[in-house]
Structure formats: C-alpha cells, structure tokens
C-alpha cells in the first residue's frame, strides 16, 4: 500500500495545503469559563508540527445566550476568548500549519447534566421528533443568530485564521432546521422539503459572505445522521441531496465537510453499488464543490463507541487510499486517530504504519 495520494498538495481559493489530511473538529470541553489558554495552544501546535494539512478546531460557540450544551466548550466571541484564539492561530502558523475554527450553536441538544443559564432554543422547541425541549425561536432570535454566526466568522478572519467552518451537522441547531423531525415551522424557515428547510443555513452563509468578503474560505459541515437518531437521513435520493446542498454552495460555501460514521460506506448503493460513492463523493459530484470526507479513518470502530469508553485498534488505510486515488473527494478528516497520536500524519507519510497508536477512550480526557 502507498499513501502518496494523501500527500498531494491541495489549493483552493487561497487555501494552500501541503497534503490532503485534515484534523477533524472534536469537542474537548476543556476551556475554563469558555476561554482557550496555553493547553489549547500547545494541543493544536503539536498537530501542526507533525504535518497535519489543515486543523479544524473543536466546536466553538457563537454569541447567543444558550449556544453551548456543556461547560468548558470555548467561546468564539468576547475579548478574552479571542485573545486566546489568536494565540492558537499564531502558534499553529509558527509550526507551518493552517487552521480554521469551527463555529457552532448546539441548539436544544443535551451535553450531559450541565444546563445553560438561559433556556435552550431550536426551530420548533424540539430536541428530537416529538420530544419537546426549550423555546421555539422567534423571528428576532433567528435574525440575531444569523448575525452572531457572521460576527464570529469575521472575528476568525481578523484573528488570522486561514478559513472558517460552520457546524451544520449532527443534530445541532442548523441541522435541527434541516431536519423535518425538529423543524415544524410554517414560516419561511420551515416547509415540506429539504430545500425549504435549508433557508436558515443559506442565510447564515450569505451573512458570513457579507462580513468576510468573497475570498475567505468557508467550509460547512453537514451530515445525514443525528446524535438523536443515527439512522436519520435528510436526503434519501440524489435529487434531494442536490436540493439540500447545491443552494448552500450557491449561497457561498466553498468546501462541504461531509460527516458519516464510516467513510467507506456508499451513500446510495442502490444507484452505484456497494463500492459506490460515499457521502462526500456524491456531494462533490452533485454540487461541483470540493469536499472533505470523515468517519472512522484508520480505526476499526466508529466514533460512537469512544464515548462509551471503548478502545479502537489502528487499521490499514487501503480503503481510504483507493477512494482518494480516484478523487472521489478532495480531503480526508482524521479524528480519534489524531487524538491518540499527534504524530499520526508524520508516521503515515514516513511509512511507519506499525508505529501508529491504537485509540483509547482515555484520550478524550486530556489535551495531550
């Protein structure tokens, strides 16, 4: 097996990367009072020093009263938090890396026993289908949230980051607007089709573009599955996927980050078979946008087991390299493997596959 295809340069809209490997955003919840400090600086700089092409930070929240669901999730607003994030970006750049923050609103999801001081909010006051939680967002709430996303994106640009990623996946706020099970609105932000329910995300993208201009790279993370329901699907056909994603690209998204639990699984096997395109492959084909794939890279189990304390063994990358060689997608995001082993990318590049570390759930408890 050769991994040369992972180490081709990638350039798009001023984002010049030395290879195709992205550090996936992974919630760490280790920022006291929401302020990143030296532990975060060191954590990201270690990955940059070990050849990660693009680092996507953990989810960082916009300026809304209940935008996070766990204490310790960092803010991406306010002078103190932004001073910390500037230090992170500078440290990554000093190691030759590139970095983008993931900006986020957790909607009405639960992160454990912790509760925010303000009521949680969502499109229709639901956390899942038929499961009430929190407040239905008013028109003013919607407008203020769109503006808060745009403000955080501008702060990313001002802080020297190389791009920005918006979290629109996994059952959090933007995804709750996409999902018919949690968006029962009868205004212009709801509707019977996925295209109707994508308006909220499209308005966020347009507002960000107005703040950062046409040349600052904008990534959007999307998923079919939700933490509330791993089997949920927003698009059950290629035409529905086009209706969902193409308007978002037309609104100003540059790169689609397509999250699935196992990257090697075909998205529409009924169309192109069991070795067919995965989610990122279909998104690229249908929209023309570059895509990032992600999902259990280099491990023998998907991410859900990690939160149950399960251990995952490092595995070969042949399924990944085959898909990369045919340019099915452009970039690959690596999560738990990079938590377990900050030098993962360097070891893969040098062919030291027998030195890759297995993932132990204990890695979730540190910023090593």
Protein backbone atom coordinates (compact mmCIF):
# COMPACT_ATOMS: atom_id res chain seq x y z
CA UNK A 1 0.00 0.00 0.00
CA UNK A 2 1.22 3.50 -0.83
CA UNK A 3 -0.14 6.60 0.87
CA UNK A 4 1.32 9.06 -1.63
CA UNK A 5 -2.14 10.19 -2.70
CA UNK A 6 -2.73 11.59 0.80
CA UNK A 7 0.28 13.85 0.46
CA UNK A 8 -0.57 15.69 -2.71
CA UNK A 9 -0.87 19.47 -2.21
CA UNK A 10 -4.34 20.98 -2.25
CA UNK A 11 -5.10 24.56 -3.27
CA UNK A 12 -8.50 26.17 -3.40
CA UNK A 13 -9.44 29.82 -3.11
CA UNK A 14 -6.21 30.82 -1.41
CA UNK A 15 -6.21 27.86 0.98
CA UNK A 16 -2.86 26.24 0.18
CA UNK A 17 -2.35 22.93 1.98
CA UNK A 18 0.71 20.66 1.78
CA UNK A 19 -1.37 17.49 1.94
CA UNK A 20 -4.94 16.17 1.98
CA UNK A 21 -5.20 15.39 5.71
CA UNK A 22 -7.44 17.48 7.96
CA UNK A 23 -7.69 17.32 11.73
CA UNK A 24 -11.38 16.77 12.39
CA UNK A 25 -13.11 19.06 14.89
CA UNK A 26 -13.52 17.21 18.19
CA UNK A 27 -15.30 18.58 21.24
CA UNK A 28 -12.92 18.77 24.19
CA UNK A 29 -14.81 20.92 26.77
CA UNK A 30 -11.59 21.95 28.50
CA UNK A 31 -11.71 25.75 28.23
CA UNK A 32 -12.42 27.18 31.72
CA UNK A 33 -15.07 29.92 31.50
CA UNK A 34 -15.04 29.39 27.73
CA UNK A 35 -11.55 30.87 27.34
CA UNK A 36 -8.83 28.92 25.47
CA UNK A 37 -5.38 29.10 27.03
CA UNK A 38 -1.93 27.57 26.86
CA UNK A 39 -3.22 23.96 26.92
CA UNK A 40 -5.18 24.63 23.71
CA UNK A 41 -2.22 26.48 22.16
CA UNK A 42 0.05 23.51 22.77
CA UNK A 43 -2.55 20.92 21.74
CA UNK A 44 -3.10 22.39 18.27
CA UNK A 45 0.56 23.35 17.74
CA UNK A 46 1.62 19.72 18.32
CA UNK A 47 -0.56 18.58 15.41
CA UNK A 48 0.66 21.40 13.18
CA UNK A 49 4.27 20.48 13.91
CA UNK A 50 3.52 16.90 12.87
CA UNK A 51 2.36 17.78 9.35
CA UNK A 52 -1.45 18.00 9.60
CA UNK A 53 -2.51 19.80 6.43
CA UNK A 54 -5.43 21.74 7.92
CA UNK A 55 -6.53 21.85 11.53
CA UNK A 56 -10.22 22.33 12.27
CA UNK A 57 -10.66 23.33 15.88
CA UNK A 58 -13.10 21.87 18.34
CA UNK A 59 -16.57 23.38 18.14
CA UNK A 60 -16.54 26.98 19.40
CA UNK A 61 -19.79 28.77 20.10
CA UNK A 62 -21.32 31.96 18.77
CA UNK A 63 -22.66 34.78 20.93
CA UNK A 64 -26.12 33.51 21.91
CA UNK A 65 -27.43 33.03 25.47
CA UNK A 66 -27.55 29.22 25.27
CA UNK A 67 -25.27 28.35 22.36
CA UNK A 68 -23.34 25.61 24.18
CA UNK A 69 -24.56 22.45 25.89
CA UNK A 70 -21.51 21.63 28.01
CA UNK A 71 -19.40 23.72 30.36
CA UNK A 72 -15.88 24.12 29.02
CA UNK A 73 -16.84 24.48 25.38
CA UNK A 74 -14.90 27.57 24.23
CA UNK A 75 -16.49 30.79 23.07
CA UNK A 76 -15.68 32.37 19.73
CA UNK A 77 -16.64 35.86 20.83
CA UNK A 78 -15.53 38.30 23.51
CA UNK A 79 -12.12 39.87 24.02
CA UNK A 80 -10.71 37.23 26.38
CA UNK A 81 -11.67 34.24 24.22
CA UNK A 82 -10.48 35.88 21.03
CA UNK A 83 -7.12 36.73 22.61
CA UNK A 84 -6.74 33.02 23.35
CA UNK A 85 -7.72 32.03 19.83
CA UNK A 86 -5.25 34.50 18.33
CA UNK A 87 -2.54 32.78 20.33
CA UNK A 88 -3.69 29.40 18.98
CA UNK A 89 -3.62 30.61 15.37
CA UNK A 90 -0.19 32.19 15.81
CA UNK A 91 1.25 29.03 17.35
CA UNK A 92 -0.09 26.86 14.55
CA UNK A 93 1.30 29.21 11.92
CA UNK A 94 4.67 29.24 13.67
CA UNK A 95 4.79 25.47 13.17
CA UNK A 96 3.93 25.85 9.47
CA UNK A 97 0.29 24.77 9.82
CA UNK A 98 -3.07 26.07 8.66
CA UNK A 99 -6.10 26.35 10.94
CA UNK A 100 -9.81 27.17 10.84
CA UNK A 101 -12.20 27.45 13.77
CA UNK A 102 -15.45 25.55 13.73
CA UNK A 103 -18.23 27.90 14.83
CA UNK A 104 -21.27 26.35 16.40
CA UNK A 105 -24.64 26.58 18.15
CA UNK A 106 -25.71 23.38 19.89
CA UNK A 107 -29.44 24.16 19.66
CA UNK A 108 -31.60 22.22 22.09
CA UNK A 109 -29.29 19.22 22.40
CA UNK A 110 -28.15 17.89 25.77
CA UNK A 111 -24.48 17.57 26.59
CA UNK A 112 -24.95 15.86 29.95
CA UNK A 113 -26.29 17.11 33.27
CA UNK A 114 -24.98 20.66 32.80
CA UNK A 115 -27.58 23.25 31.73
CA UNK A 116 -27.01 26.76 30.37
CA UNK A 117 -28.36 29.70 32.34
CA UNK A 118 -30.78 30.66 29.57
CA UNK A 119 -33.41 28.38 28.00
CA UNK A 120 -32.19 26.38 25.02
CA UNK A 121 -33.59 27.26 21.61
CA UNK A 122 -34.42 25.42 18.40
CA UNK A 123 -36.60 25.82 15.31
CA UNK A 124 -39.72 24.39 16.96
CA UNK A 125 -38.90 23.84 20.61
CA UNK A 126 -37.90 20.22 19.99
CA UNK A 127 -34.71 18.27 20.57
CA UNK A 128 -35.92 15.31 18.51
CA UNK A 129 -39.12 14.22 16.77
CA UNK A 130 -41.97 14.53 19.27
CA UNK A 131 -39.55 15.45 22.08
CA UNK A 132 -40.09 18.98 23.42
CA UNK A 133 -37.17 20.89 24.91
CA UNK A 134 -36.64 24.62 25.24
CA UNK A 135 -38.02 27.53 23.27
CA UNK A 136 -39.19 27.91 19.70
CA UNK A 137 -37.06 30.60 18.09
CA UNK A 138 -38.81 33.84 17.24
CA UNK A 139 -38.09 35.84 14.10
CA UNK A 140 -35.82 38.06 16.20
CA UNK A 141 -33.98 35.01 17.59
CA UNK A 142 -33.40 33.73 14.07
CA UNK A 143 -32.11 37.09 12.85
CA UNK A 144 -29.83 37.52 15.87
CA UNK A 145 -28.43 34.01 15.45
CA UNK A 146 -27.64 34.60 11.78
CA UNK A 147 -25.87 37.83 12.74
CA UNK A 148 -23.93 36.05 15.52
CA UNK A 149 -22.59 33.44 13.09
CA UNK A 150 -21.48 36.21 10.73
CA UNK A 151 -19.79 38.10 13.57
CA UNK A 152 -17.83 35.03 14.68
CA UNK A 153 -16.70 34.39 11.11
CA UNK A 154 -15.43 37.97 10.86
CA UNK A 155 -13.60 37.53 14.18
CA UNK A 156 -11.92 34.43 12.75
CA UNK A 157 -10.70 36.39 9.78
CA UNK A 158 -9.48 39.24 11.99
CA UNK A 159 -7.69 36.80 14.32
CA UNK A 160 -5.61 35.47 11.43
CA UNK A 161 -7.26 32.11 10.82
CA UNK A 162 -6.95 30.63 7.34
CA UNK A 163 -10.64 29.74 6.88
CA UNK A 164 -13.79 29.20 8.93
CA UNK A 165 -16.04 26.16 9.28
CA UNK A 166 -19.73 26.36 10.22
CA UNK A 167 -21.12 23.33 12.07
CA UNK A 168 -24.36 22.37 10.34
CA UNK A 169 -24.43 18.67 11.27
CA UNK A 170 -25.12 16.04 13.94
CA UNK A 171 -28.46 17.30 15.21
CA UNK A 172 -27.28 20.71 16.45
CA UNK A 173 -29.07 23.97 15.68
CA UNK A 174 -28.53 24.37 11.94
CA UNK A 175 -29.20 20.67 11.44
CA UNK A 176 -32.37 20.98 13.51
CA UNK A 177 -33.58 23.42 10.85
CA UNK A 178 -32.69 20.92 8.09
CA UNK A 179 -34.45 18.00 9.78
CA UNK A 180 -38.20 17.58 9.26
CA UNK A 181 -38.41 15.88 12.65
CA UNK A 182 -37.35 19.04 14.50
CA UNK A 183 -38.40 21.81 12.10
CA UNK A 184 -42.19 22.15 12.14
CA UNK A 185 -42.20 25.85 11.34
CA UNK A 186 -44.80 27.28 8.99
CA UNK A 187 -42.82 30.42 8.13
CA UNK A 188 -40.13 30.88 5.50
CA UNK A 189 -37.60 28.90 7.58
CA UNK A 190 -39.72 25.73 7.52
CA UNK A 191 -41.56 23.77 4.90
CA UNK A 192 -42.17 20.31 3.49
CA UNK A 193 -38.93 19.96 1.51
CA UNK A 194 -35.27 19.93 2.45
CA UNK A 195 -34.77 22.88 0.11
CA UNK A 196 -37.32 24.88 2.12
CA UNK A 197 -35.71 23.98 5.43
CA UNK A 198 -32.23 24.91 4.17
CA UNK A 199 -33.04 28.60 4.07
CA UNK A 200 -31.72 29.25 7.60
CA UNK A 201 -28.32 27.80 6.69
CA UNK A 202 -28.27 29.67 3.39
CA UNK A 203 -28.97 32.95 5.19
CA UNK A 204 -26.10 32.26 7.59
CA UNK A 205 -23.77 31.61 4.66
CA UNK A 206 -24.84 34.80 2.90
CA UNK A 207 -24.39 36.83 6.08
CA UNK A 208 -20.90 35.41 6.56
CA UNK A 209 -20.00 36.24 2.98
CA UNK A 210 -21.14 39.82 3.52
CA UNK A 211 -18.83 40.07 6.55
CA UNK A 212 -15.68 38.34 5.28
CA UNK A 213 -15.84 39.05 1.56
CA UNK A 214 -15.63 36.64 -1.37
CA UNK A 215 -12.10 35.29 -0.81
CA UNK A 216 -12.09 33.96 2.77
CA UNK A 217 -12.62 30.18 2.56
CA UNK A 218 -15.90 29.00 4.10
CA UNK A 219 -16.42 25.33 5.00
CA UNK A 220 -19.79 23.86 6.00
CA UNK A 221 -20.04 20.59 7.93
CA UNK A 222 -23.16 18.56 7.16
CA UNK A 223 -24.39 15.07 7.97
CA UNK A 224 -27.30 12.77 7.34
CA UNK A 225 -27.16 11.15 10.82
CA UNK A 226 -28.03 12.91 14.06
CA UNK A 227 -26.89 12.23 17.60
CA UNK A 228 -30.63 11.92 18.30
CA UNK A 229 -31.03 9.28 15.57
CA UNK A 230 -28.10 7.58 13.84
CA UNK A 231 -30.40 6.29 11.09
CA UNK A 232 -31.87 9.70 10.13
CA UNK A 233 -31.49 10.81 6.52
CA UNK A 234 -32.13 14.29 5.19
CA UNK A 235 -31.70 13.21 1.57
CA UNK A 236 -32.96 9.80 0.50
CA UNK A 237 -32.12 10.35 -3.16
CA UNK A 238 -29.55 12.15 -5.26
CA UNK A 239 -32.16 14.73 -6.28
CA UNK A 240 -32.94 15.52 -2.64
CA UNK A 241 -29.23 15.83 -1.90
CA UNK A 242 -28.91 18.31 -4.75
CA UNK A 243 -31.87 20.31 -3.41
CA UNK A 244 -30.21 20.37 0.02
CA UNK A 245 -26.58 21.12 -0.78
CA UNK A 246 -26.46 22.97 -4.09
CA UNK A 247 -28.27 26.09 -2.78
CA UNK A 248 -25.77 26.26 0.08
CA UNK A 249 -22.84 26.18 -2.34
CA UNK A 250 -24.57 28.81 -4.47
CA UNK A 251 -25.02 30.94 -1.33
CA UNK A 252 -21.26 30.97 -0.75
CA UNK A 253 -19.99 27.71 0.76
CA UNK A 254 -16.58 26.83 -0.68
CA UNK A 255 -16.00 23.34 0.77
CA UNK A 256 -18.51 20.79 2.07
CA UNK A 257 -17.37 18.71 5.04
CA UNK A 258 -19.49 15.58 4.78
CA UNK A 259 -19.67 13.63 8.02
CA UNK A 260 -20.59 9.96 8.10
CA UNK A 261 -19.91 7.34 10.75
CA UNK A 262 -17.81 5.15 8.41
CA UNK A 263 -16.28 6.87 5.38
CA UNK A 264 -16.12 3.67 3.32
CA UNK A 265 -19.90 3.13 3.25
CA UNK A 266 -21.68 4.05 -0.01
CA UNK A 267 -24.31 6.76 0.27
CA UNK A 268 -26.64 5.47 -2.44
CA UNK A 269 -25.73 1.82 -3.09
CA UNK A 270 -28.99 1.40 -4.97
CA UNK A 271 -27.54 3.77 -7.60
CA UNK A 272 -23.87 2.77 -7.88
CA UNK A 273 -23.42 -0.39 -5.82
CA UNK A 274 -21.66 -1.41 -2.63
CA UNK A 275 -18.39 0.18 -3.74
CA UNK A 276 -20.16 3.36 -4.83
CA UNK A 277 -19.53 6.95 -3.86
CA UNK A 278 -19.70 7.87 -0.20
CA UNK A 279 -21.45 10.98 1.13
CA UNK A 280 -18.58 13.31 0.27
CA UNK A 281 -18.27 11.71 -3.16
CA UNK A 282 -21.90 12.33 -4.02
CA UNK A 283 -21.79 15.87 -2.59
CA UNK A 284 -18.84 16.67 -4.83
CA UNK A 285 -20.47 15.12 -7.88
CA UNK A 286 -23.80 16.89 -7.37
CA UNK A 287 -22.56 20.37 -6.43
CA UNK A 288 -19.12 20.65 -8.02
CA UNK A 289 -17.68 21.85 -4.71
CA UNK A 290 -14.56 20.34 -3.14
CA UNK A 291 -15.40 18.03 -0.26
CA UNK A 292 -13.91 16.67 2.94
CA UNK A 293 -14.80 13.12 3.95
CA UNK A 294 -14.62 11.83 7.51
CA UNK A 295 -15.62 8.81 9.56
CA UNK A 296 -13.52 6.27 11.49
CA UNK A 297 -10.33 6.79 9.48
CA UNK A 298 -7.59 4.39 10.50
CA UNK A 299 -9.64 2.69 13.23
CA UNK A 300 -11.72 -0.45 13.49
CA UNK A 301 -14.86 1.08 15.06
CA UNK A 302 -16.90 4.24 14.63
CA UNK A 303 -16.83 7.23 16.94
CA UNK A 304 -19.90 6.30 18.98
CA UNK A 305 -18.01 3.63 20.89
CA UNK A 306 -15.43 6.15 22.06
CA UNK A 307 -17.98 7.88 24.26
CA UNK A 308 -18.87 4.53 25.81
CA UNK A 309 -15.24 4.07 26.80
CA UNK A 310 -14.35 1.64 24.02
CA UNK A 311 -10.87 1.07 22.66
CA UNK A 312 -10.25 1.12 18.88
CA UNK A 313 -7.41 -0.58 17.05
CA UNK A 314 -5.37 1.20 14.39
CA UNK A 315 -6.10 -0.30 10.97
CA UNK A 316 -4.70 -0.10 7.40
CA UNK A 317 -5.60 2.79 5.13
CA UNK A 318 -6.11 0.87 1.88
CA UNK A 319 -9.85 1.65 1.67
CA UNK A 320 -9.04 5.33 2.07
CA UNK A 321 -6.23 5.47 -0.45
CA UNK A 322 -8.33 3.70 -3.09
CA UNK A 323 -11.02 6.33 -2.82
CA UNK A 324 -8.51 9.19 -2.72
CA UNK A 325 -6.73 7.86 -5.80
CA UNK A 326 -9.93 8.11 -7.80
CA UNK A 327 -10.52 11.67 -6.50
CA UNK A 328 -13.85 10.70 -5.01
CA UNK A 329 -13.37 13.53 -2.51
CA UNK A 330 -10.60 16.07 -2.02
CA UNK A 331 -9.63 15.94 1.65
CA UNK A 332 -9.94 13.44 4.49
CA UNK A 333 -10.54 14.43 8.11
CA UNK A 334 -8.99 12.33 10.86
CA UNK A 335 -10.39 12.47 14.38
CA UNK A 336 -9.71 9.93 17.10
CA UNK A 337 -6.53 8.64 15.47
CA UNK A 338 -5.05 12.14 15.83
CA UNK A 339 -6.23 12.36 19.43
CA UNK A 340 -4.40 9.16 20.26
CA UNK A 341 -1.29 10.07 18.29
CA UNK A 342 -0.37 13.70 17.50
CA UNK A 343 2.34 12.39 15.13
CA UNK A 344 -0.12 10.25 13.14
CA UNK A 345 0.32 12.19 9.89
CA UNK A 346 4.12 12.17 10.05
CA UNK A 347 4.16 8.43 10.75
CA UNK A 348 1.85 7.72 7.81
CA UNK A 349 3.95 9.89 5.49
CA UNK A 350 7.12 8.09 6.53
CA UNK A 351 5.53 4.65 6.16
CA UNK A 352 5.80 3.83 9.87
CA UNK A 353 2.40 2.16 9.97
CA UNK A 354 3.45 -0.29 12.67
CA UNK A 355 4.12 2.66 14.99
CA UNK A 356 0.56 4.06 14.84
CA UNK A 357 -1.11 4.06 18.23
CA UNK A 358 -4.45 2.48 18.99
CA UNK A 359 -7.18 4.78 20.31
CA UNK A 360 -8.04 4.58 23.97
CA UNK A 361 -11.08 6.50 25.26
CA UNK A 362 -8.83 7.91 27.97
CA UNK A 363 -7.51 10.26 25.26
CA UNK A 364 -10.82 12.13 25.45
CA UNK A 365 -9.93 13.28 28.96
CA UNK A 366 -6.70 15.11 28.13
CA UNK A 367 -5.31 17.75 25.78
CA UNK A 368 -2.18 15.75 25.04
